[in-house]
N, C-alpha and C. Protein backbone atom coordinates (compact mmCIF):
# COMPACT_ATOMS: atom_id res chain seq x y z
N UNK A 1 90.29 111.54 81.62
CA UNK A 1 89.12 111.53 80.74
C UNK A 1 88.08 110.39 81.47
N UNK A 2 87.07 110.65 82.01
CA UNK A 2 86.41 109.88 82.78
C UNK A 2 85.33 109.18 82.00
N UNK A 3 85.17 107.89 81.90
CA UNK A 3 84.24 107.18 81.12
C UNK A 3 83.86 105.89 82.11
N UNK A 4 82.65 105.30 81.62
CA UNK A 4 82.26 104.14 82.48
C UNK A 4 83.17 102.94 82.13
N UNK A 5 83.28 102.36 83.58
CA UNK A 5 84.35 101.32 83.69
C UNK A 5 83.57 99.96 83.87
N UNK A 6 84.08 99.07 83.03
CA UNK A 6 83.62 97.55 83.23
C UNK A 6 84.62 96.80 83.74
N UNK A 7 84.96 96.59 85.11
CA UNK A 7 86.02 96.05 85.57
C UNK A 7 86.41 94.77 85.11
N UNK A 8 85.30 93.81 84.97
CA UNK A 8 85.45 92.50 84.27
C UNK A 8 86.25 92.55 83.07
N UNK A 9 85.92 93.60 81.95
CA UNK A 9 86.65 93.69 80.87
C UNK A 9 87.80 94.21 80.95
N UNK A 10 88.21 95.18 81.89
CA UNK A 10 89.61 95.77 82.07
C UNK A 10 90.35 94.83 82.49
N UNK A 11 90.10 93.91 83.60
CA UNK A 11 91.07 92.81 84.15
C UNK A 11 91.31 92.00 83.19
N UNK A 12 90.36 91.51 82.27
CA UNK A 12 90.64 90.63 81.20
C UNK A 12 91.63 91.26 80.32
N UNK A 13 91.30 92.17 79.86
CA UNK A 13 92.45 92.98 78.65
C UNK A 13 93.73 93.02 79.67
N UNK A 14 93.91 93.32 80.70
CA UNK A 14 95.08 93.43 81.30
C UNK A 14 95.72 92.12 81.38
N UNK A 15 95.00 91.15 81.93
CA UNK A 15 95.69 89.86 82.09
C UNK A 15 96.11 89.18 80.64
N UNK A 16 95.20 89.50 79.55
CA UNK A 16 95.62 89.13 78.24
C UNK A 16 97.01 89.76 77.91
N UNK A 17 97.04 91.25 78.17
CA UNK A 17 98.31 91.87 77.95
C UNK A 17 99.60 91.25 78.66
N UNK A 18 99.22 90.84 79.82
CA UNK A 18 100.22 90.26 80.64
C UNK A 18 100.66 89.08 80.22
N UNK A 19 99.61 88.27 79.70
CA UNK A 19 100.21 86.79 79.24
C UNK A 19 100.97 87.03 77.85
N UNK A 20 100.76 87.93 77.22
CA UNK A 20 101.61 88.30 75.96
C UNK A 20 103.11 88.43 76.28
N UNK A 21 103.44 88.89 77.75
CA UNK A 21 104.82 89.02 78.04
C UNK A 21 105.20 88.05 79.19
N UNK A 22 104.40 87.37 79.71
CA UNK A 22 104.86 86.42 80.80
C UNK A 22 104.26 84.96 80.64
N UNK A 23 104.90 84.08 80.86
CA UNK A 23 104.21 82.68 81.02
C UNK A 23 103.37 82.46 82.28
N UNK A 24 102.09 82.57 82.33
CA UNK A 24 101.17 82.52 83.34
C UNK A 24 100.89 80.94 83.65
N UNK A 25 101.30 80.19 82.92
CA UNK A 25 100.64 78.78 83.16
C UNK A 25 101.03 78.09 84.34
N UNK A 26 101.86 78.56 85.04
CA UNK A 26 102.37 77.88 86.31
C UNK A 26 101.63 78.92 87.66
N UNK A 27 100.94 80.08 87.18
CA UNK A 27 100.48 80.80 88.34
C UNK A 27 98.89 80.38 88.35
N UNK A 28 98.27 80.30 89.38
CA UNK A 28 96.99 80.15 89.87
C UNK A 28 96.41 81.57 89.57
N UNK A 29 95.99 82.08 88.84
CA UNK A 29 95.45 83.35 88.73
C UNK A 29 93.64 83.24 88.86
N UNK A 30 93.03 84.12 89.90
CA UNK A 30 91.72 83.99 90.00
C UNK A 30 91.39 85.37 90.15
N UNK A 31 90.28 85.73 89.60
CA UNK A 31 89.74 87.00 89.41
C UNK A 31 88.19 86.81 89.99
N UNK A 32 87.76 87.78 90.86
CA UNK A 32 86.50 88.07 91.27
C UNK A 32 86.07 89.40 91.24
N UNK A 33 85.05 89.79 90.19
CA UNK A 33 84.60 91.22 90.18
C UNK A 33 83.22 91.11 90.57
N UNK A 34 82.77 91.99 91.41
CA UNK A 34 81.37 92.24 92.04
C UNK A 34 81.02 93.64 91.71
N UNK A 35 80.45 93.74 90.26
CA UNK A 35 80.09 94.99 89.97
C UNK A 35 78.73 95.09 89.35
N UNK A 36 77.66 95.58 90.11
CA UNK A 36 76.29 95.49 89.77
C UNK A 36 75.76 96.82 89.62
N UNK A 37 76.66 97.86 89.27
CA UNK A 37 76.21 99.10 89.02
C UNK A 37 77.51 99.75 88.26
N UNK A 38 76.94 100.82 87.34
CA UNK A 38 77.95 101.53 86.90
C UNK A 38 79.26 102.29 87.59
N UNK A 39 80.52 102.22 87.09
CA UNK A 39 81.16 102.96 87.83
C UNK A 39 81.92 103.87 86.86
N UNK A 40 82.46 104.96 87.18
CA UNK A 40 83.12 106.14 86.38
C UNK A 40 84.38 106.55 86.82
N UNK A 41 85.36 106.46 85.90
CA UNK A 41 86.83 106.96 86.28
C UNK A 41 87.51 107.01 84.94
N UNK A 42 88.60 107.32 85.22
CA UNK A 42 89.78 107.54 84.25
C UNK A 42 90.35 106.23 83.71
N UNK A 43 89.87 105.62 82.69
CA UNK A 43 90.16 104.37 82.19
C UNK A 43 91.71 104.19 82.15
N UNK A 44 92.26 105.05 81.48
CA UNK A 44 93.75 104.89 81.17
C UNK A 44 94.42 104.70 82.56
N UNK A 45 94.12 105.62 83.60
CA UNK A 45 94.82 105.47 84.70
C UNK A 45 94.57 104.34 85.43
N UNK A 46 93.43 103.69 85.38
CA UNK A 46 93.15 102.37 86.08
C UNK A 46 94.01 101.44 85.42
N UNK A 47 94.10 101.44 83.90
CA UNK A 47 94.82 100.34 83.11
C UNK A 47 96.24 100.51 83.53
N UNK A 48 96.81 101.59 83.98
CA UNK A 48 98.24 101.77 84.38
C UNK A 48 98.30 101.21 85.71
N UNK A 49 97.32 101.37 86.61
CA UNK A 49 97.36 100.92 88.20
C UNK A 49 97.10 99.35 88.14
N UNK A 50 96.28 99.00 87.41
CA UNK A 50 96.00 97.43 87.46
C UNK A 50 96.97 96.68 86.58
N UNK A 51 97.82 97.32 85.51
CA UNK A 51 98.82 96.97 85.02
C UNK A 51 100.22 96.40 85.70
N UNK A 52 100.53 97.72 86.50
CA UNK A 52 101.47 97.63 87.47
C UNK A 52 101.35 96.64 88.51
N UNK A 53 100.29 96.72 89.27
CA UNK A 53 99.95 95.82 90.32
C UNK A 53 100.02 94.22 89.93
N UNK A 54 99.48 93.99 88.78
CA UNK A 54 99.51 92.68 88.17
C UNK A 54 100.97 92.23 87.54
N UNK A 55 101.63 93.13 87.01
CA UNK A 55 102.90 92.89 86.58
C UNK A 55 103.74 92.61 87.82
N UNK A 56 103.61 93.28 88.63
CA UNK A 56 104.45 93.10 89.96
C UNK A 56 104.17 91.84 90.76
N UNK A 57 102.89 91.48 90.60
CA UNK A 57 102.50 90.19 91.25
C UNK A 57 102.98 89.10 90.71
N UNK A 58 103.09 89.10 89.22
CA UNK A 58 103.61 87.96 88.44
C UNK A 58 105.13 87.88 88.56
N UNK A 59 105.74 89.13 88.20
CA UNK A 59 107.06 89.08 88.30
C UNK A 59 107.85 88.74 89.46
N UNK A 60 107.40 89.04 90.67
CA UNK A 60 107.97 88.68 91.66
C UNK A 60 107.47 87.42 92.40
N UNK A 61 107.03 86.58 91.60
CA UNK A 61 106.81 85.39 92.38
C UNK A 61 108.10 84.67 92.63
N UNK A 62 108.11 83.77 93.71
CA UNK A 62 109.05 82.87 94.03
C UNK A 62 109.49 81.79 92.97
N UNK A 63 110.90 81.98 92.66
CA UNK A 63 111.22 81.10 91.49
C UNK A 63 111.00 79.73 91.49
N UNK A 64 111.20 79.18 92.73
CA UNK A 64 110.92 77.51 92.60
C UNK A 64 109.70 77.14 93.68
N UNK A 65 108.81 77.87 93.52
CA UNK A 65 107.50 77.47 94.21
C UNK A 65 106.55 76.78 93.49
N UNK A 66 106.07 75.58 94.11
CA UNK A 66 104.92 75.15 93.43
C UNK A 66 103.75 75.32 93.52
N UNK A 67 103.35 76.51 94.12
CA UNK A 67 102.02 76.99 94.20
C UNK A 67 101.93 78.69 93.98
N UNK A 68 102.27 78.92 92.91
CA UNK A 68 102.27 80.32 92.62
C UNK A 68 100.76 80.94 92.53
N UNK A 69 100.59 81.98 93.17
CA UNK A 69 99.08 82.35 93.23
C UNK A 69 99.00 84.01 92.90
N UNK A 70 97.95 84.43 92.33
CA UNK A 70 97.62 85.82 92.39
C UNK A 70 96.08 85.72 92.30
N UNK A 71 95.52 86.67 93.40
CA UNK A 71 94.23 86.66 93.39
C UNK A 71 93.69 88.24 93.21
N UNK A 72 92.74 88.63 92.27
CA UNK A 72 92.20 90.14 92.13
C UNK A 72 90.79 89.77 92.44
N UNK A 73 90.67 90.83 93.30
CA UNK A 73 89.32 90.87 93.72
C UNK A 73 88.77 92.52 93.76
N UNK A 74 87.56 92.69 92.82
CA UNK A 74 87.19 94.25 92.77
C UNK A 74 85.79 94.28 93.29
N UNK A 75 85.37 95.11 94.00
CA UNK A 75 83.95 95.28 94.71
C UNK A 75 83.58 96.67 94.28
N UNK A 76 82.59 96.89 93.39
CA UNK A 76 82.15 98.20 93.24
C UNK A 76 80.89 98.46 93.97
N UNK A 77 80.86 99.61 94.86
CA UNK A 77 79.87 99.83 95.73
C UNK A 77 79.60 101.40 95.73
N UNK A 78 78.40 101.89 95.57
CA UNK A 78 78.12 103.38 95.21
C UNK A 78 79.26 103.92 94.36
N UNK A 79 80.14 105.10 94.91
CA UNK A 79 80.90 105.78 94.34
C UNK A 79 82.29 105.32 94.45
N UNK A 80 82.55 104.06 94.79
CA UNK A 80 83.88 103.69 95.18
C UNK A 80 83.95 102.02 94.55
N UNK A 81 85.37 101.90 94.18
CA UNK A 81 85.74 100.57 93.85
C UNK A 81 86.91 100.21 94.58
N UNK A 82 86.73 99.16 95.53
CA UNK A 82 87.90 98.44 96.18
C UNK A 82 88.59 97.53 95.31
N UNK A 83 89.91 97.74 95.14
CA UNK A 83 90.61 96.82 94.45
C UNK A 83 91.59 96.06 95.09
N UNK A 84 91.47 94.61 95.23
CA UNK A 84 92.51 94.00 95.98
C UNK A 84 93.49 93.09 95.13
N UNK A 85 94.68 93.08 95.26
CA UNK A 85 95.45 92.11 94.46
C UNK A 85 96.33 91.57 95.44
N UNK A 86 96.23 90.30 95.66
CA UNK A 86 97.33 89.56 96.63
C UNK A 86 98.09 88.37 95.79
N UNK A 87 99.10 88.10 96.42
CA UNK A 87 99.87 86.97 95.83
C UNK A 87 100.72 86.47 96.75
N UNK A 88 101.27 85.26 96.63
CA UNK A 88 102.27 84.55 97.29
C UNK A 88 103.84 84.64 96.89
N UNK A 89 104.18 85.88 96.27
CA UNK A 89 105.46 85.96 96.05
C UNK A 89 106.56 86.15 97.00
N UNK A 90 107.46 86.94 96.65
CA UNK A 90 108.81 87.08 97.42
C UNK A 90 108.50 88.01 98.60
N UNK A 91 107.49 89.06 98.35
CA UNK A 91 107.10 90.00 99.36
C UNK A 91 108.13 91.02 99.38
N UNK A 92 107.89 91.96 100.17
CA UNK A 92 108.77 93.25 100.34
C UNK A 92 109.49 93.16 101.81
N UNK A 93 110.58 93.45 101.70
CA UNK A 93 111.60 93.29 103.00
C UNK A 93 111.16 94.41 103.84
N UNK A 94 111.17 94.24 105.14
CA UNK A 94 110.62 95.06 106.19
C UNK A 94 111.18 96.35 106.08
N UNK A 95 112.55 96.63 105.78
CA UNK A 95 113.12 97.66 105.74
C UNK A 95 113.02 98.75 104.43
N UNK A 96 111.94 98.13 103.70
CA UNK A 96 111.54 98.88 102.26
C UNK A 96 110.16 99.53 102.61
N UNK A 97 109.30 98.63 103.23
CA UNK A 97 107.94 99.19 103.43
C UNK A 97 107.61 100.32 103.42
N UNK A 98 108.28 101.23 104.57
CA UNK A 98 107.97 102.47 104.67
C UNK A 98 107.96 103.49 103.37
N UNK A 99 108.89 102.99 102.69
CA UNK A 99 109.13 103.95 101.31
C UNK A 99 108.43 103.36 100.27
N UNK A 100 107.81 102.30 100.17
CA UNK A 100 107.37 101.68 98.84
C UNK A 100 106.46 102.45 98.20
N UNK A 101 105.65 103.34 98.81
CA UNK A 101 104.65 103.98 98.20
C UNK A 101 105.09 105.36 97.52
N UNK A 102 106.62 105.79 97.95
CA UNK A 102 106.96 107.11 97.38
C UNK A 102 107.41 106.85 95.94
N UNK A 103 107.37 107.84 95.09
CA UNK A 103 107.89 107.91 93.93
C UNK A 103 109.21 107.37 93.64
N UNK A 104 109.52 106.64 92.72
CA UNK A 104 110.90 106.18 92.25
C UNK A 104 111.62 105.39 93.29
N UNK A 105 110.98 104.58 94.02
CA UNK A 105 111.52 103.82 95.10
C UNK A 105 111.05 102.45 94.57
N UNK A 106 112.32 101.56 94.84
CA UNK A 106 112.17 100.13 94.41
C UNK A 106 112.44 99.27 95.68
N UNK A 107 111.86 98.13 95.77
CA UNK A 107 112.10 97.55 96.88
C UNK A 107 112.96 96.14 96.80
N UNK A 108 113.40 96.08 95.53
CA UNK A 108 114.41 94.85 95.19
C UNK A 108 115.33 95.45 94.01
N UNK A 109 116.43 95.09 93.67
CA UNK A 109 117.53 95.07 92.88
C UNK A 109 117.00 94.34 91.64
N UNK A 110 116.09 93.20 91.82
CA UNK A 110 115.69 92.44 90.82
C UNK A 110 114.83 93.18 89.73
N UNK A 111 114.38 94.37 90.11
CA UNK A 111 113.83 94.84 89.36
C UNK A 111 114.41 96.11 88.27
N UNK A 112 114.31 96.29 87.21
CA UNK A 112 114.92 97.42 86.37
C UNK A 112 113.78 98.64 86.28
N UNK A 113 112.79 98.52 86.78
CA UNK A 113 111.83 99.37 86.58
C UNK A 113 112.12 101.01 87.01
N UNK A 114 111.28 101.86 87.01
CA UNK A 114 111.34 103.10 87.36
C UNK A 114 111.11 103.35 88.91
N UNK A 115 110.33 102.59 89.80
CA UNK A 115 109.71 102.65 90.89
C UNK A 115 108.49 103.43 90.92
N UNK A 116 107.85 103.28 89.84
CA UNK A 116 106.38 103.86 89.71
C UNK A 116 105.52 103.00 89.92
N UNK A 117 105.75 101.57 89.92
CA UNK A 117 104.69 100.63 89.88
C UNK A 117 103.84 100.60 91.18
């Protein structure tokens, strides 16, 4: 179902949802949304995508780091939205990088997920 997307609201809702499950107080979380025009897409699929990316960015932070960071940047131009999420977490080992975008693949045993994130 395609609807108008307000990315600032969508990201805030996803962060609020994440904060109900994770302690975000130790993470420097910064959001930058540049949307000056309407954008239309499938709201529920964008929620799943953002939710998975944010969950992974928070879940896989380094346990004993003093500077945990997650950055979200969304730029809407014409008929596209560029969504960037960066963190300084544990990363993905080189041997898993080629397969990480395949369905049901996990890059760590720390996760108990399905590999759909």
